[in-house]
Amino acid sequence: MTQAAASFRSAARWTLVLSAALLTACAGLPERAPAPLRYDFGPAAAASQPASGTRPLLALRVQASPALDSPAMLYRLAYADAQQLRAYSQARWAMVPAELLQQRLRDGLGRQYVLPPAGDAAPRLLHIELEEFSQLFSSAEQSAGLLRLRASLLQRTGGGEQLLAQRELQLQQPAASADAAGGVRALGAATDAAITELVQWLQMQR
């Protein structure tokens, strides 16, 4: 065997050894976790015709508790520790809950009111404080979307904002499945039910 041939065979052996070592090392690396799924309420129902006649102006402001200042999708285990808020690791809202609620409110209230852009000085302001927006598990198989909010109707005056009426709402809608997707649909249904009640309440304040 010539020296060149021996060198070639030695190099080939080392190449095989290094390739095997690299494959073993790569096989030992942890798999990258899949990106979390992102949810919203889906497209709004087809809008009906606005109410006939002149629609009053109504400004809208939605705020949320600090626990809801992120797009984390939260749930509680009522059968284990209802005081502890937990977050799904592989599911997120597409935006923070206050923005989801405001978007849905604009769709629902826009049939009865003219909702100017934020910052416009409409004479009346609907201020919403979102306090709870989570999936509540009564058991490992049963859950519901839980929404709690406080609605304040304010009159804007030269001296500030005057409270005209206030109402608290708490709604639960059952989830069809005990997972994040079921919670999304249940919270969407609870949000729509809350908007229906708010519209009726506002009509009584005219």
N, C-alpha and C. Protein backbone atom coordinates (compact mmCIF):
# COMPACT_ATOMS: atom_id res chain seq x y z
N MET A 1 0.85 -1.19 0.00
CA MET A 1 0.00 0.00 0.00
C MET A 1 0.89 1.24 0.00
N THR A 2 0.60 2.17 -0.88
CA THR A 2 1.41 3.38 -0.93
C THR A 2 1.07 4.28 0.23
N GLN A 3 1.95 5.23 0.48
CA GLN A 3 1.73 6.17 1.60
C GLN A 3 0.50 7.03 1.34
N ALA A 4 0.29 7.39 0.06
CA ALA A 4 -0.87 8.23 -0.27
C ALA A 4 -2.17 7.49 0.00
N ALA A 5 -2.19 6.19 -0.38
CA ALA A 5 -3.41 5.40 -0.15
C ALA A 5 -3.69 5.23 1.33
N ALA A 6 -2.64 5.01 2.12
CA ALA A 6 -2.81 4.87 3.57
C ALA A 6 -3.35 6.15 4.18
N SER A 7 -2.83 7.27 3.73
CA SER A 7 -3.30 8.56 4.25
C SER A 7 -4.77 8.78 3.91
N PHE A 8 -5.15 8.38 2.68
CA PHE A 8 -6.54 8.55 2.26
C PHE A 8 -7.48 7.72 3.13
N ARG A 9 -7.10 6.44 3.39
CA ARG A 9 -7.94 5.57 4.21
C ARG A 9 -8.03 6.08 5.64
N SER A 10 -6.95 6.61 6.16
CA SER A 10 -6.96 7.16 7.52
C SER A 10 -7.88 8.37 7.61
N ALA A 11 -7.80 9.23 6.59
CA ALA A 11 -8.67 10.41 6.57
C ALA A 11 -10.13 10.02 6.46
N ALA A 12 -10.41 8.99 5.67
CA ALA A 12 -11.79 8.52 5.51
C ALA A 12 -12.35 7.99 6.82
N ARG A 13 -11.50 7.22 7.55
CA ARG A 13 -11.94 6.69 8.85
C ARG A 13 -12.27 7.83 9.81
N TRP A 14 -11.41 8.85 9.87
CA TRP A 14 -11.65 9.98 10.77
C TRP A 14 -12.93 10.73 10.38
N THR A 15 -13.16 10.83 9.08
CA THR A 15 -14.39 11.50 8.62
C THR A 15 -15.63 10.75 9.11
N LEU A 16 -15.60 9.41 9.01
CA LEU A 16 -16.72 8.60 9.48
C LEU A 16 -16.92 8.74 10.98
N VAL A 17 -15.79 8.73 11.72
CA VAL A 17 -15.88 8.86 13.18
C VAL A 17 -16.48 10.21 13.55
N LEU A 18 -16.01 11.29 12.92
CA LEU A 18 -16.53 12.63 13.24
C LEU A 18 -18.00 12.76 12.85
N SER A 19 -18.37 12.18 11.71
CA SER A 19 -19.78 12.24 11.29
C SER A 19 -20.68 11.52 12.29
N ALA A 20 -20.24 10.36 12.75
CA ALA A 20 -21.03 9.61 13.73
C ALA A 20 -21.15 10.39 15.03
N ALA A 21 -20.05 11.03 15.44
CA ALA A 21 -20.07 11.81 16.68
C ALA A 21 -21.03 12.99 16.56
N LEU A 22 -21.01 13.67 15.39
CA LEU A 22 -21.92 14.80 15.19
C LEU A 22 -23.37 14.36 15.19
N LEU A 23 -23.66 13.22 14.55
CA LEU A 23 -25.03 12.72 14.54
C LEU A 23 -25.51 12.38 15.94
N THR A 24 -24.63 11.79 16.73
CA THR A 24 -24.99 11.45 18.12
C THR A 24 -25.26 12.71 18.92
N ALA A 25 -24.42 13.73 18.73
CA ALA A 25 -24.60 14.99 19.47
C ALA A 25 -25.90 15.66 19.07
N CYS A 26 -26.19 15.68 17.76
CA CYS A 26 -27.43 16.32 17.31
C CYS A 26 -28.66 15.58 17.83
N ALA A 27 -28.57 14.25 17.87
CA ALA A 27 -29.70 13.47 18.37
C ALA A 27 -29.97 13.75 19.83
N GLY A 28 -28.94 14.16 20.56
CA GLY A 28 -29.11 14.43 21.98
C GLY A 28 -29.64 15.81 22.29
N LEU A 29 -29.70 16.71 21.27
CA LEU A 29 -30.20 18.06 21.51
C LEU A 29 -31.70 18.03 21.76
N PRO A 30 -32.21 18.86 22.68
CA PRO A 30 -33.65 18.91 22.91
C PRO A 30 -34.38 19.49 21.70
N GLU A 31 -35.57 18.95 21.43
CA GLU A 31 -36.36 19.47 20.32
C GLU A 31 -36.91 20.84 20.68
N ARG A 32 -36.93 21.72 19.69
CA ARG A 32 -37.48 23.05 19.92
C ARG A 32 -38.99 22.95 20.11
N ALA A 33 -39.49 23.61 21.16
CA ALA A 33 -40.93 23.57 21.43
C ALA A 33 -41.68 24.30 20.33
N PRO A 34 -42.84 23.80 19.93
CA PRO A 34 -43.62 24.50 18.89
C PRO A 34 -44.09 25.86 19.39
N ALA A 35 -44.26 26.78 18.47
CA ALA A 35 -44.73 28.12 18.83
C ALA A 35 -46.16 28.03 19.38
N PRO A 36 -46.49 28.83 20.39
CA PRO A 36 -47.85 28.80 20.95
C PRO A 36 -48.89 29.15 19.89
N LEU A 37 -50.05 28.53 19.99
CA LEU A 37 -51.18 28.89 19.13
C LEU A 37 -51.74 30.22 19.59
N ARG A 38 -52.17 31.05 18.65
CA ARG A 38 -52.72 32.37 18.98
C ARG A 38 -54.19 32.41 18.60
N TYR A 39 -55.00 32.91 19.53
CA TYR A 39 -56.45 32.91 19.35
C TYR A 39 -57.02 34.32 19.47
N ASP A 40 -58.11 34.56 18.73
CA ASP A 40 -58.98 35.69 19.00
C ASP A 40 -60.41 35.17 18.95
N PHE A 41 -61.40 36.07 18.84
CA PHE A 41 -62.79 35.63 18.84
C PHE A 41 -63.29 35.28 17.44
N GLY A 42 -62.44 35.39 16.44
CA GLY A 42 -62.89 35.13 15.08
C GLY A 42 -63.66 36.33 14.54
N PRO A 43 -64.10 36.24 13.29
CA PRO A 43 -64.84 37.37 12.70
C PRO A 43 -66.15 37.59 13.42
N ALA A 44 -66.52 38.86 13.53
CA ALA A 44 -67.80 39.20 14.16
C ALA A 44 -68.94 38.73 13.27
N ALA A 45 -70.09 38.52 13.90
CA ALA A 45 -71.28 38.15 13.13
C ALA A 45 -71.61 39.27 12.15
N ALA A 46 -72.26 38.91 11.06
CA ALA A 46 -72.63 39.91 10.06
C ALA A 46 -73.41 41.03 10.72
N ALA A 47 -72.95 42.24 10.48
CA ALA A 47 -73.56 43.41 11.13
C ALA A 47 -74.96 43.66 10.57
N SER A 48 -75.90 43.91 11.49
CA SER A 48 -77.24 44.29 11.06
C SER A 48 -77.24 45.78 10.75
N GLN A 49 -78.32 46.24 10.15
CA GLN A 49 -78.41 47.66 9.83
C GLN A 49 -78.43 48.48 11.11
N PRO A 50 -77.73 49.64 11.13
CA PRO A 50 -77.78 50.50 12.31
C PRO A 50 -79.22 50.91 12.62
N ALA A 51 -79.46 51.23 13.89
CA ALA A 51 -80.79 51.66 14.30
C ALA A 51 -81.21 52.89 13.52
N SER A 52 -82.50 52.96 13.19
CA SER A 52 -83.00 54.10 12.44
C SER A 52 -82.97 55.35 13.31
N GLY A 53 -82.94 56.50 12.67
CA GLY A 53 -82.88 57.75 13.41
C GLY A 53 -81.46 58.13 13.75
N THR A 54 -81.33 59.18 14.50
CA THR A 54 -80.01 59.68 14.88
C THR A 54 -79.44 58.85 16.01
N ARG A 55 -78.27 58.31 15.79
CA ARG A 55 -77.62 57.53 16.84
C ARG A 55 -76.78 58.45 17.72
N PRO A 56 -76.89 58.33 19.04
CA PRO A 56 -76.11 59.20 19.93
C PRO A 56 -74.62 58.85 19.89
N LEU A 57 -73.81 59.86 20.21
CA LEU A 57 -72.37 59.65 20.33
C LEU A 57 -72.06 58.98 21.66
N LEU A 58 -71.12 58.06 21.64
CA LEU A 58 -70.69 57.39 22.86
C LEU A 58 -69.22 57.04 22.74
N ALA A 59 -68.41 57.60 23.63
CA ALA A 59 -66.99 57.23 23.67
C ALA A 59 -66.84 55.93 24.46
N LEU A 60 -65.78 55.22 24.16
CA LEU A 60 -65.56 53.91 24.77
C LEU A 60 -64.13 53.82 25.31
N ARG A 61 -64.01 53.36 26.55
CA ARG A 61 -62.69 53.17 27.15
C ARG A 61 -62.71 51.85 27.92
N VAL A 62 -61.75 50.99 27.64
CA VAL A 62 -61.67 49.68 28.28
C VAL A 62 -60.32 49.55 28.97
N GLN A 63 -60.36 49.21 30.24
CA GLN A 63 -59.15 48.94 31.01
C GLN A 63 -59.28 47.57 31.66
N ALA A 64 -58.15 47.00 32.05
CA ALA A 64 -58.17 45.66 32.65
C ALA A 64 -57.29 45.64 33.88
N SER A 65 -57.54 44.67 34.75
CA SER A 65 -56.72 44.50 35.95
C SER A 65 -55.30 44.12 35.53
N PRO A 66 -54.30 44.37 36.39
CA PRO A 66 -52.91 44.05 36.03
C PRO A 66 -52.69 42.60 35.62
N ALA A 67 -53.46 41.68 36.16
CA ALA A 67 -53.29 40.26 35.80
C ALA A 67 -53.62 39.99 34.34
N LEU A 68 -54.35 40.93 33.72
CA LEU A 68 -54.78 40.74 32.33
C LEU A 68 -54.02 41.63 31.36
N ASP A 69 -52.88 42.12 31.78
CA ASP A 69 -52.09 43.04 30.94
C ASP A 69 -51.18 42.33 29.94
N SER A 70 -51.35 41.05 29.76
CA SER A 70 -50.54 40.31 28.79
C SER A 70 -51.47 39.41 27.97
N PRO A 71 -50.99 38.88 26.84
CA PRO A 71 -51.83 37.98 26.04
C PRO A 71 -51.91 36.55 26.57
N ALA A 72 -51.41 36.31 27.78
CA ALA A 72 -51.48 34.96 28.34
C ALA A 72 -52.94 34.51 28.45
N MET A 73 -53.19 33.25 28.14
CA MET A 73 -54.53 32.68 28.27
C MET A 73 -54.62 32.00 29.63
N LEU A 74 -55.46 32.54 30.49
CA LEU A 74 -55.47 32.14 31.90
C LEU A 74 -56.61 31.16 32.21
N TYR A 75 -56.36 30.34 33.23
CA TYR A 75 -57.40 29.43 33.71
C TYR A 75 -57.24 29.22 35.21
N ARG A 76 -58.31 28.74 35.83
CA ARG A 76 -58.31 28.42 37.26
C ARG A 76 -58.83 26.99 37.44
N LEU A 77 -58.32 26.32 38.46
CA LEU A 77 -58.81 25.00 38.83
C LEU A 77 -59.63 25.14 40.11
N ALA A 78 -60.95 25.26 39.96
CA ALA A 78 -61.80 25.46 41.12
C ALA A 78 -61.74 24.27 42.07
N TYR A 79 -61.46 23.10 41.56
CA TYR A 79 -61.44 21.90 42.39
C TYR A 79 -60.10 21.69 43.09
N ALA A 80 -59.11 22.52 42.76
CA ALA A 80 -57.78 22.37 43.38
C ALA A 80 -57.39 23.63 44.15
N ASP A 81 -57.27 24.74 43.45
CA ASP A 81 -56.88 26.01 44.09
C ASP A 81 -57.42 27.14 43.23
N ALA A 82 -58.66 27.53 43.50
CA ALA A 82 -59.33 28.53 42.66
C ALA A 82 -58.68 29.90 42.74
N GLN A 83 -57.88 30.14 43.78
CA GLN A 83 -57.25 31.45 43.93
C GLN A 83 -56.01 31.61 43.04
N GLN A 84 -55.55 30.52 42.46
CA GLN A 84 -54.33 30.58 41.65
C GLN A 84 -54.66 30.69 40.17
N LEU A 85 -54.15 31.75 39.55
CA LEU A 85 -54.28 31.91 38.11
C LEU A 85 -53.14 31.18 37.42
N ARG A 86 -53.47 30.36 36.45
CA ARG A 86 -52.47 29.63 35.68
C ARG A 86 -52.58 30.04 34.22
N ALA A 87 -51.51 29.83 33.47
CA ALA A 87 -51.50 30.20 32.06
C ALA A 87 -51.18 28.98 31.20
N TYR A 88 -51.89 28.85 30.10
CA TYR A 88 -51.56 27.81 29.12
C TYR A 88 -50.18 28.08 28.55
N SER A 89 -49.38 27.04 28.41
CA SER A 89 -48.03 27.22 27.87
C SER A 89 -48.02 27.26 26.35
N GLN A 90 -48.99 26.64 25.71
CA GLN A 90 -48.99 26.56 24.25
C GLN A 90 -50.20 27.25 23.62
N ALA A 91 -50.76 28.24 24.31
CA ALA A 91 -51.88 29.01 23.76
C ALA A 91 -51.77 30.45 24.27
N ARG A 92 -52.03 31.39 23.39
CA ARG A 92 -51.99 32.82 23.72
C ARG A 92 -53.15 33.51 23.01
N TRP A 93 -53.56 34.64 23.59
CA TRP A 93 -54.47 35.52 22.87
C TRP A 93 -53.67 36.29 21.83
N ALA A 94 -54.33 36.68 20.75
CA ALA A 94 -53.67 37.44 19.70
C ALA A 94 -53.40 38.87 20.15
N MET A 95 -54.10 39.33 21.17
CA MET A 95 -53.89 40.66 21.76
C MET A 95 -54.30 40.57 23.22
N VAL A 96 -54.03 41.60 23.99
CA VAL A 96 -54.40 41.55 25.40
C VAL A 96 -55.92 41.55 25.52
N PRO A 97 -56.49 40.97 26.59
CA PRO A 97 -57.94 40.85 26.70
C PRO A 97 -58.70 42.17 26.59
N ALA A 98 -58.15 43.26 27.12
CA ALA A 98 -58.85 44.54 27.02
C ALA A 98 -59.05 44.95 25.57
N GLU A 99 -58.06 44.68 24.72
CA GLU A 99 -58.19 45.02 23.31
C GLU A 99 -59.18 44.10 22.61
N LEU A 100 -59.19 42.82 22.98
CA LEU A 100 -60.19 41.90 22.43
C LEU A 100 -61.60 42.37 22.77
N LEU A 101 -61.80 42.74 24.03
CA LEU A 101 -63.12 43.19 24.47
C LEU A 101 -63.51 44.49 23.78
N GLN A 102 -62.58 45.42 23.67
CA GLN A 102 -62.90 46.70 23.03
C GLN A 102 -63.28 46.50 21.57
N GLN A 103 -62.56 45.63 20.89
CA GLN A 103 -62.87 45.34 19.49
C GLN A 103 -64.28 44.78 19.35
N ARG A 104 -64.63 43.85 20.24
CA ARG A 104 -65.96 43.24 20.18
C ARG A 104 -67.04 44.26 20.57
N LEU A 105 -66.75 45.10 21.55
CA LEU A 105 -67.71 46.13 21.96
C LEU A 105 -68.00 47.10 20.82
N ARG A 106 -66.98 47.49 20.10
CA ARG A 106 -67.20 48.41 18.99
C ARG A 106 -68.10 47.78 17.93
N ASP A 107 -67.93 46.48 17.71
CA ASP A 107 -68.80 45.79 16.76
C ASP A 107 -70.25 45.77 17.27
N GLY A 108 -70.42 45.46 18.56
CA GLY A 108 -71.76 45.32 19.11
C GLY A 108 -72.48 46.63 19.35
N LEU A 109 -71.76 47.64 19.83
CA LEU A 109 -72.39 48.92 20.16
C LEU A 109 -72.57 49.81 18.93
N GLY A 110 -71.81 49.53 17.88
CA GLY A 110 -71.86 50.39 16.70
C GLY A 110 -73.20 50.39 15.99
N ARG A 111 -74.06 49.44 16.30
CA ARG A 111 -75.39 49.42 15.68
C ARG A 111 -76.35 50.40 16.36
N GLN A 112 -76.04 50.76 17.60
CA GLN A 112 -76.92 51.65 18.36
C GLN A 112 -76.31 53.03 18.60
N TYR A 113 -74.99 53.12 18.49
CA TYR A 113 -74.29 54.36 18.83
C TYR A 113 -73.24 54.68 17.76
N VAL A 114 -72.91 55.96 17.69
CA VAL A 114 -71.76 56.39 16.90
C VAL A 114 -70.57 56.41 17.85
N LEU A 115 -69.59 55.57 17.56
CA LEU A 115 -68.41 55.45 18.43
C LEU A 115 -67.25 56.19 17.78
N PRO A 116 -66.93 57.39 18.25
CA PRO A 116 -65.84 58.15 17.63
C PRO A 116 -64.49 57.53 17.95
N PRO A 117 -63.46 57.91 17.20
CA PRO A 117 -62.11 57.41 17.52
C PRO A 117 -61.70 57.81 18.92
N ALA A 118 -60.78 57.06 19.48
CA ALA A 118 -60.28 57.37 20.83
C ALA A 118 -59.77 58.80 20.87
N GLY A 119 -60.12 59.50 21.94
CA GLY A 119 -59.66 60.87 22.11
C GLY A 119 -60.69 61.91 21.71
N ASP A 120 -61.69 61.52 20.90
CA ASP A 120 -62.72 62.48 20.53
C ASP A 120 -63.62 62.75 21.73
N ALA A 121 -64.08 63.97 21.82
CA ALA A 121 -64.83 64.41 23.00
C ALA A 121 -66.32 64.16 22.83
N ALA A 122 -66.74 62.92 22.87
CA ALA A 122 -68.17 62.61 22.90
C ALA A 122 -68.71 63.00 24.27
N PRO A 123 -69.97 63.44 24.35
CA PRO A 123 -70.49 63.90 25.64
C PRO A 123 -70.59 62.80 26.70
N ARG A 124 -70.79 61.56 26.26
CA ARG A 124 -70.89 60.45 27.20
C ARG A 124 -69.79 59.43 26.93
N LEU A 125 -69.36 58.81 28.03
CA LEU A 125 -68.26 57.84 27.95
C LEU A 125 -68.68 56.55 28.67
N LEU A 126 -68.52 55.44 28.00
CA LEU A 126 -68.70 54.14 28.63
C LEU A 126 -67.33 53.62 29.03
N HIS A 127 -67.11 53.52 30.33
CA HIS A 127 -65.82 53.07 30.86
C HIS A 127 -65.99 51.64 31.37
N ILE A 128 -65.20 50.73 30.83
CA ILE A 128 -65.27 49.32 31.20
C ILE A 128 -64.00 48.93 31.94
N GLU A 129 -64.18 48.31 33.10
CA GLU A 129 -63.04 47.75 33.85
C GLU A 129 -63.19 46.22 33.83
N LEU A 130 -62.30 45.58 33.12
CA LEU A 130 -62.32 44.12 33.00
C LEU A 130 -61.55 43.52 34.17
N GLU A 131 -62.25 42.75 35.01
CA GLU A 131 -61.66 42.24 36.24
C GLU A 131 -61.31 40.74 36.17
N GLU A 132 -62.05 39.99 35.40
CA GLU A 132 -61.79 38.54 35.28
C GLU A 132 -62.05 38.12 33.84
N PHE A 133 -61.13 37.32 33.31
CA PHE A 133 -61.26 36.85 31.93
C PHE A 133 -60.48 35.55 31.86
N SER A 134 -61.11 34.46 32.30
CA SER A 134 -60.37 33.21 32.45
C SER A 134 -61.29 32.02 32.18
N GLN A 135 -60.68 30.86 32.06
CA GLN A 135 -61.40 29.59 31.93
C GLN A 135 -61.40 28.93 33.30
N LEU A 136 -62.58 28.66 33.82
CA LEU A 136 -62.73 28.10 35.15
C LEU A 136 -63.08 26.62 35.05
N PHE A 137 -62.20 25.77 35.58
CA PHE A 137 -62.42 24.32 35.56
C PHE A 137 -63.08 23.90 36.87
N SER A 138 -64.29 23.37 36.78
CA SER A 138 -64.95 22.80 37.96
C SER A 138 -64.49 21.37 38.20
N SER A 139 -63.98 20.73 37.16
CA SER A 139 -63.37 19.40 37.24
C SER A 139 -62.40 19.30 36.07
N ALA A 140 -61.70 18.19 35.99
CA ALA A 140 -60.74 18.03 34.89
C ALA A 140 -61.44 17.98 33.53
N GLU A 141 -62.73 17.63 33.51
CA GLU A 141 -63.46 17.49 32.25
C GLU A 141 -64.44 18.62 31.98
N GLN A 142 -64.78 19.42 33.00
CA GLN A 142 -65.80 20.45 32.85
C GLN A 142 -65.21 21.82 33.12
N SER A 143 -65.52 22.78 32.23
CA SER A 143 -65.02 24.14 32.43
C SER A 143 -65.99 25.13 31.80
N ALA A 144 -65.75 26.41 32.10
CA ALA A 144 -66.59 27.48 31.57
C ALA A 144 -65.73 28.72 31.39
N GLY A 145 -66.15 29.56 30.46
CA GLY A 145 -65.51 30.86 30.30
C GLY A 145 -66.11 31.82 31.31
N LEU A 146 -65.27 32.48 32.09
CA LEU A 146 -65.73 33.37 33.15
C LEU A 146 -65.28 34.80 32.84
N LEU A 147 -66.24 35.70 32.77
CA LEU A 147 -65.97 37.11 32.51
C LEU A 147 -66.63 37.95 33.60
N ARG A 148 -65.88 38.87 34.17
CA ARG A 148 -66.44 39.80 35.16
C ARG A 148 -65.94 41.20 34.82
N LEU A 149 -66.87 42.16 34.81
CA LEU A 149 -66.50 43.53 34.49
C LEU A 149 -67.38 44.51 35.24
N ARG A 150 -66.91 45.74 35.30
CA ARG A 150 -67.69 46.85 35.85
C ARG A 150 -67.84 47.90 34.75
N ALA A 151 -69.08 48.28 34.48
CA ALA A 151 -69.37 49.29 33.45
C ALA A 151 -69.83 50.57 34.12
N SER A 152 -69.23 51.68 33.73
CA SER A 152 -69.61 52.99 34.27
C SER A 152 -69.97 53.91 33.11
N LEU A 153 -71.13 54.52 33.19
CA LEU A 153 -71.54 55.51 32.20
C LEU A 153 -71.25 56.89 32.78
N LEU A 154 -70.43 57.65 32.08
CA LEU A 154 -69.96 58.94 32.58
C LEU A 154 -70.40 60.06 31.65
N GLN A 155 -70.76 61.19 32.26
CA GLN A 155 -71.06 62.41 31.51
C GLN A 155 -69.84 63.31 31.56
N ARG A 156 -69.36 63.71 30.40
CA ARG A 156 -68.21 64.61 30.37
C ARG A 156 -68.69 66.04 30.51
N THR A 157 -68.07 66.75 31.44
CA THR A 157 -68.41 68.15 31.68
C THR A 157 -67.12 68.96 31.70
N GLY A 158 -67.27 70.26 31.79
CA GLY A 158 -66.09 71.12 31.85
C GLY A 158 -65.25 70.85 33.08
N GLY A 159 -65.86 70.31 34.12
CA GLY A 159 -65.13 70.03 35.35
C GLY A 159 -64.62 68.61 35.48
N GLY A 160 -64.83 67.79 34.45
CA GLY A 160 -64.35 66.41 34.52
C GLY A 160 -65.42 65.43 34.07
N GLU A 161 -65.48 64.29 34.72
CA GLU A 161 -66.41 63.23 34.35
C GLU A 161 -67.34 62.95 35.52
N GLN A 162 -68.65 62.98 35.24
CA GLN A 162 -69.66 62.76 36.27
C GLN A 162 -70.29 61.38 36.07
N LEU A 163 -70.35 60.60 37.14
CA LEU A 163 -70.92 59.26 37.07
C LEU A 163 -72.44 59.35 36.95
N LEU A 164 -72.98 58.72 35.90
CA LEU A 164 -74.43 58.68 35.70
C LEU A 164 -75.03 57.35 36.16
N ALA A 165 -74.35 56.28 35.86
CA ALA A 165 -74.85 54.95 36.22
C ALA A 165 -73.68 53.97 36.21
N GLN A 166 -73.86 52.89 36.97
CA GLN A 166 -72.79 51.90 37.06
C GLN A 166 -73.43 50.52 37.23
N ARG A 167 -72.77 49.53 36.63
CA ARG A 167 -73.30 48.17 36.73
C ARG A 167 -72.15 47.18 36.68
N GLU A 168 -72.29 46.10 37.46
CA GLU A 168 -71.32 45.01 37.42
C GLU A 168 -71.95 43.79 36.75
N LEU A 169 -71.17 43.14 35.92
CA LEU A 169 -71.63 41.94 35.22
C LEU A 169 -70.67 40.79 35.48
N GLN A 170 -71.23 39.61 35.71
CA GLN A 170 -70.43 38.39 35.77
C GLN A 170 -71.17 37.32 34.99
N LEU A 171 -70.50 36.79 33.99
CA LEU A 171 -71.14 35.81 33.13
C LEU A 171 -70.25 34.59 32.97
N GLN A 172 -70.90 33.43 32.90
CA GLN A 172 -70.20 32.17 32.63
C GLN A 172 -70.89 31.48 31.46
N GLN A 173 -70.09 30.95 30.56
CA GLN A 173 -70.61 30.17 29.45
C GLN A 173 -69.85 28.85 29.42
N PRO A 174 -70.55 27.72 29.32
CA PRO A 174 -69.87 26.41 29.35
C PRO A 174 -68.95 26.23 28.14
N ALA A 175 -67.84 25.55 28.38
CA ALA A 175 -66.89 25.23 27.31
C ALA A 175 -67.22 23.86 26.73
N ALA A 176 -67.15 23.76 25.42
CA ALA A 176 -67.46 22.49 24.76
C ALA A 176 -66.35 21.46 24.95
N SER A 177 -65.15 21.93 25.24
CA SER A 177 -64.02 21.02 25.45
C SER A 177 -63.14 21.58 26.56
N ALA A 178 -62.49 20.69 27.29
CA ALA A 178 -61.68 21.10 28.44
C ALA A 178 -60.25 21.40 28.01
N ASP A 179 -60.12 22.38 27.11
CA ASP A 179 -58.80 22.78 26.63
C ASP A 179 -58.85 24.25 26.25
N ALA A 180 -57.74 24.76 25.73
CA ALA A 180 -57.67 26.18 25.40
C ALA A 180 -58.69 26.57 24.34
N ALA A 181 -58.85 25.73 23.31
CA ALA A 181 -59.80 26.05 22.25
C ALA A 181 -61.23 26.15 22.80
N GLY A 182 -61.58 25.25 23.72
CA GLY A 182 -62.89 25.33 24.35
C GLY A 182 -63.05 26.59 25.17
N GLY A 183 -61.99 26.99 25.88
CA GLY A 183 -62.02 28.22 26.65
C GLY A 183 -62.20 29.45 25.78
N VAL A 184 -61.56 29.46 24.62
CA VAL A 184 -61.69 30.59 23.70
C VAL A 184 -63.14 30.77 23.28
N ARG A 185 -63.77 29.68 22.85
CA ARG A 185 -65.16 29.77 22.40
C ARG A 185 -66.09 30.17 23.55
N ALA A 186 -65.83 29.64 24.74
CA ALA A 186 -66.68 29.97 25.89
C ALA A 186 -66.53 31.44 26.28
N LEU A 187 -65.31 31.96 26.26
CA LEU A 187 -65.10 33.37 26.60
C LEU A 187 -65.66 34.28 25.52
N GLY A 188 -65.61 33.84 24.27
CA GLY A 188 -66.24 34.62 23.21
C GLY A 188 -67.75 34.71 23.42
N ALA A 189 -68.36 33.59 23.80
CA ALA A 189 -69.80 33.58 24.06
C ALA A 189 -70.15 34.43 25.27
N ALA A 190 -69.32 34.38 26.32
CA ALA A 190 -69.56 35.21 27.50
C ALA A 190 -69.43 36.69 27.16
N THR A 191 -68.47 37.02 26.32
CA THR A 191 -68.29 38.42 25.90
C THR A 191 -69.50 38.91 25.12
N ASP A 192 -69.99 38.10 24.19
CA ASP A 192 -71.16 38.50 23.41
C ASP A 192 -72.40 38.65 24.30
N ALA A 193 -72.54 37.77 25.29
CA ALA A 193 -73.67 37.89 26.22
C ALA A 193 -73.56 39.16 27.04
N ALA A 194 -72.35 39.51 27.46
CA ALA A 194 -72.14 40.74 28.22
C ALA A 194 -72.49 41.96 27.38
N ILE A 195 -72.11 41.95 26.12
CA ILE A 195 -72.41 43.09 25.24
C ILE A 195 -73.91 43.25 25.07
N THR A 196 -74.62 42.15 24.92
CA THR A 196 -76.08 42.22 24.81
C THR A 196 -76.69 42.87 26.05
N GLU A 197 -76.22 42.49 27.23
CA GLU A 197 -76.74 43.09 28.47
C GLU A 197 -76.35 44.56 28.57
N LEU A 198 -75.15 44.91 28.14
CA LEU A 198 -74.72 46.30 28.20
C LEU A 198 -75.55 47.18 27.27
N VAL A 199 -75.86 46.69 26.09
CA VAL A 199 -76.69 47.47 25.16
C VAL A 199 -78.05 47.73 25.78
N GLN A 200 -78.67 46.72 26.37
CA GLN A 200 -79.98 46.89 27.01
C GLN A 200 -79.89 47.87 28.17
N TRP A 201 -78.83 47.78 28.95
CA TRP A 201 -78.65 48.68 30.09
C TRP A 201 -78.46 50.11 29.63
N LEU A 202 -77.66 50.31 28.59
CA LEU A 202 -77.43 51.67 28.09
C LEU A 202 -78.70 52.29 27.54
N GLN A 203 -79.54 51.49 26.91
CA GLN A 203 -80.79 52.02 26.38
C GLN A 203 -81.69 52.54 27.48
N MET A 204 -81.57 51.97 28.67
CA MET A 204 -82.37 52.42 29.80
C MET A 204 -81.85 53.73 30.38
N GLN A 205 -80.63 54.13 30.01
CA GLN A 205 -80.03 55.34 30.58
C GLN A 205 -80.26 56.57 29.71
N ARG A 206 -80.94 56.41 28.60
CA ARG A 206 -81.14 57.56 27.71
C ARG A 206 -82.13 58.54 28.32
